[in-house]
Amino acid sequence: MEWEEWLLPTSDGHLEVFPSLQELQIEKCPKLRQQLPQQLPSLVKLHLTECEQLSVSLPQIPRLKILNLRGCNYMLLSSNLAINRLASFELHNISSLKHLPEWLLQYMPTLKWLVIVDCSDFVHLARCKNNMQYLTSLQHLVIRNCSMLVSLFEEEQPLPQKLEYLELDSCHSLKKLPHA
């Protein structure tokens, strides 16, 4: 698809609001580069797949529970998002992503499911000590095919207490795991 901009201008010049939209999937729009609508008050699920040029940060989505990014630019995660209701977060094939941004971990207290797959530059889940303390609800963690992953955390810290499932697969540079 040759879609480059999401333009739905209103009389005041802002992008149109979709007050009832609950799920948004945008797939294989490699030239889409402008921002998504800034007001998506009812959105619960957002799936972006192969939108490599979309490099502006995601809009504020206060009800978002499921976020799935595949083959997108890591700059989508570059600014503070209102995602404190997020329960499931999947990142697949996000180039240049070395670790999850520190601010992001702080805003995910309800996150239960975290999946990171095919992120070739991914080195650590978290860089700073005690960042995992914010993931108090995390139960399921999967990291697959992240060839540069050295350890889950740059500094020693325990796994989240509620973690029930941990899968590390094809992470060939993995050197150490956290202590129980």
Protein backbone atom coordinates (compact mmCIF):
# COMPACT_ATOMS: atom_id res chain seq x y z
CA MET A 1 0.00 0.00 0.00
CA GLU A 2 1.28 3.50 -0.80
CA TRP A 3 -0.36 5.17 2.19
CA GLU A 4 1.93 7.89 3.59
CA GLU A 5 -0.18 10.08 5.88
CA TRP A 6 -3.19 9.66 8.08
CA LEU A 7 -5.13 12.84 7.36
CA LEU A 8 -8.63 13.38 8.59
CA PRO A 9 -8.62 17.12 9.29
CA THR A 10 -11.36 18.67 11.34
CA SER A 11 -12.43 22.28 11.51
CA ASP A 12 -9.90 23.04 14.26
CA GLY A 13 -7.00 21.46 12.31
CA HIS A 14 -6.48 18.41 14.59
CA LEU A 15 -6.78 14.85 13.45
CA GLU A 16 -10.26 13.42 13.68
CA VAL A 17 -11.21 11.62 16.86
CA PHE A 18 -12.57 8.09 16.75
CA PRO A 19 -14.47 8.07 20.05
CA SER A 20 -15.68 4.45 19.78
CA LEU A 21 -12.75 2.74 18.04
CA GLN A 22 -11.59 -0.18 20.20
CA GLU A 23 -9.17 -2.03 17.94
CA LEU A 24 -6.82 -0.67 15.28
CA GLN A 25 -4.65 -2.81 13.01
CA ILE A 26 -2.37 -1.28 10.43
CA GLU A 27 -0.39 -3.78 8.39
CA LYS A 28 2.20 -3.51 5.62
CA CYS A 29 2.17 0.25 5.21
CA PRO A 30 5.93 0.81 4.87
CA LYS A 31 5.56 4.43 3.70
CA LEU A 32 3.22 5.56 6.47
CA ARG A 33 5.28 8.20 8.26
CA GLN A 34 2.99 10.75 9.85
CA GLN A 35 1.33 10.52 13.21
CA LEU A 36 -1.64 8.38 14.03
CA PRO A 37 -4.79 10.07 15.32
CA GLN A 38 -3.94 11.73 18.63
CA GLN A 39 -7.20 11.01 20.38
CA LEU A 40 -8.25 7.40 20.59
CA PRO A 41 -10.10 7.37 23.93
CA SER A 42 -11.68 3.89 23.58
CA LEU A 43 -8.82 2.02 21.90
CA VAL A 44 -8.00 -1.23 23.69
CA LYS A 45 -5.89 -3.08 21.05
CA LEU A 46 -3.27 -1.61 18.73
CA HIS A 47 -1.39 -3.75 16.20
CA LEU A 48 1.16 -2.13 13.89
CA THR A 49 2.92 -4.42 11.41
CA GLU A 50 5.65 -3.44 8.93
CA CYS A 51 5.21 0.31 9.26
CA GLU A 52 8.95 1.01 9.14
CA GLN A 53 8.71 4.73 8.36
CA LEU A 54 6.27 5.48 11.17
CA SER A 55 8.77 7.06 13.53
CA VAL A 56 6.77 9.56 15.55
CA SER A 57 5.82 8.45 19.03
CA LEU A 58 2.54 6.71 19.61
CA PRO A 59 -0.41 8.86 20.70
CA GLN A 60 -1.80 8.86 24.23
CA ILE A 61 -4.12 5.87 24.48
CA PRO A 62 -5.42 5.73 28.06
CA ARG A 63 -7.42 2.45 27.76
CA LEU A 64 -4.85 0.47 25.76
CA LYS A 65 -4.48 -3.10 27.03
CA ILE A 66 -2.80 -4.85 24.09
CA LEU A 67 0.08 -3.37 22.09
CA ASN A 68 1.71 -5.37 19.31
CA LEU A 69 4.50 -3.86 17.20
CA ARG A 70 6.03 -5.92 14.38
CA GLY A 71 8.69 -4.67 12.00
CA CYS A 72 8.30 -1.06 13.15
CA ASN A 73 10.69 1.73 14.05
CA TYR A 74 11.86 1.76 17.69
CA MET A 75 11.19 5.52 17.75
CA LEU A 76 7.53 4.68 18.33
CA LEU A 77 8.62 4.05 21.92
CA SER A 78 10.51 7.32 22.25
CA SER A 79 8.19 9.38 24.43
CA ASN A 80 6.05 8.90 27.48
CA LEU A 81 2.85 7.07 26.71
CA ALA A 82 -0.18 6.77 28.92
CA ILE A 83 -0.18 2.97 28.94
CA ASN A 84 -0.69 2.21 32.61
CA ARG A 85 -3.47 -0.30 31.76
CA LEU A 86 -1.34 -2.32 29.35
CA ALA A 87 -1.66 -6.08 29.96
CA SER A 88 0.07 -7.50 26.87
CA PHE A 89 3.05 -6.03 25.00
CA GLU A 90 4.70 -7.74 22.03
CA LEU A 91 7.69 -6.48 20.07
CA HIS A 92 8.77 -8.35 16.96
CA ASN A 93 11.62 -7.37 14.65
CA ILE A 94 12.18 -3.87 16.07
CA SER A 95 15.54 -2.76 14.71
CA SER A 96 17.89 -0.67 16.87
CA LEU A 97 16.03 -1.56 20.08
CA LYS A 98 18.77 -2.30 22.64
CA HIS A 99 16.58 -2.41 25.77
CA LEU A 100 13.16 -1.26 26.89
CA PRO A 101 13.20 2.46 27.68
CA GLU A 102 13.39 3.16 31.41
CA TRP A 103 10.35 5.43 31.43
CA LEU A 104 8.31 2.70 29.69
CA LEU A 105 8.89 0.16 32.44
CA GLN A 106 7.62 2.66 35.00
CA TYR A 107 4.27 2.97 33.23
CA MET A 108 3.43 -0.71 32.95
CA PRO A 109 2.25 -1.80 36.43
CA THR A 110 -0.53 -3.99 34.98
CA LEU A 111 1.62 -5.73 32.33
CA LYS A 112 1.19 -9.50 32.53
CA TRP A 113 2.53 -10.66 29.17
CA LEU A 114 5.78 -9.44 27.55
CA VAL A 115 7.13 -10.97 24.32
CA ILE A 116 10.25 -9.80 22.48
CA VAL A 117 11.12 -11.66 19.27
CA ASP A 118 13.64 -11.14 16.45
CA CYS A 119 15.07 -7.90 17.85
CA SER A 120 18.64 -8.37 16.65
CA ASP A 121 20.12 -5.41 18.59
CA PHE A 122 18.41 -6.21 21.89
CA VAL A 123 21.04 -6.53 24.66
CA HIS A 124 19.13 -6.22 27.99
CA LEU A 125 15.53 -6.12 29.05
CA ALA A 126 16.30 -3.32 31.50
CA ARG A 127 19.42 -1.21 31.94
CA CYS A 128 19.10 0.36 35.37
CA LYS A 129 18.87 -1.33 38.70
CA ASN A 130 15.40 -1.75 40.13
CA ASN A 131 13.59 -1.09 36.85
CA MET A 132 11.92 -4.47 37.10
CA GLN A 133 10.25 -3.43 40.35
CA TYR A 134 7.67 -1.61 38.24
CA LEU A 135 6.59 -4.80 36.49
CA THR A 136 4.75 -6.04 39.55
CA SER A 137 2.12 -7.96 37.55
CA LEU A 138 4.40 -9.62 34.98
CA GLN A 139 3.60 -13.33 34.72
CA HIS A 140 4.79 -14.33 31.25
CA LEU A 141 8.12 -13.29 29.68
CA VAL A 142 9.33 -14.58 26.32
CA ILE A 143 12.51 -13.48 24.53
CA ARG A 144 13.27 -15.32 21.29
CA ASN A 145 15.84 -14.93 18.52
CA CYS A 146 17.54 -11.91 20.08
CA SER A 147 21.10 -12.80 19.14
CA MET A 148 22.73 -9.90 21.06
CA LEU A 149 20.95 -10.54 24.39
CA VAL A 150 23.68 -10.80 27.04
CA SER A 151 21.54 -10.82 30.18
CA LEU A 152 18.06 -9.86 31.21
CA PHE A 153 19.34 -6.94 33.26
CA GLU A 154 22.46 -4.85 32.95
CA GLU A 155 22.70 -4.62 36.75
CA GLU A 156 21.88 -7.51 39.06
CA GLN A 157 18.25 -7.61 40.17
CA PRO A 158 15.66 -10.30 40.81
CA LEU A 159 12.98 -11.45 38.43
CA PRO A 160 9.48 -10.06 39.02
CA GLN A 161 7.82 -11.96 41.89
CA LYS A 162 4.69 -12.96 39.96
CA LEU A 163 6.61 -14.37 36.98
CA GLU A 164 5.20 -17.83 36.18
CA TYR A 165 6.68 -18.45 32.73
CA LEU A 166 10.10 -17.54 31.35
CA GLU A 167 11.22 -18.54 27.85
CA LEU A 168 14.61 -17.63 26.42
CA ASP A 169 15.13 -19.21 23.02
CA SER A 170 17.89 -18.72 20.44
CA CYS A 171 19.60 -15.95 22.41
CA HIS A 172 23.10 -17.10 21.56
CA SER A 173 25.02 -14.34 23.40
CA LEU A 174 23.24 -14.93 26.73
CA LYS A 175 25.88 -15.09 29.48
CA LYS A 176 23.96 -14.95 32.75
CA LEU A 177 20.55 -15.23 34.30
CA PRO A 178 19.30 -13.42 37.39
CA HIS A 179 19.26 -15.17 40.76
CA ALA A 180 15.97 -16.47 42.05
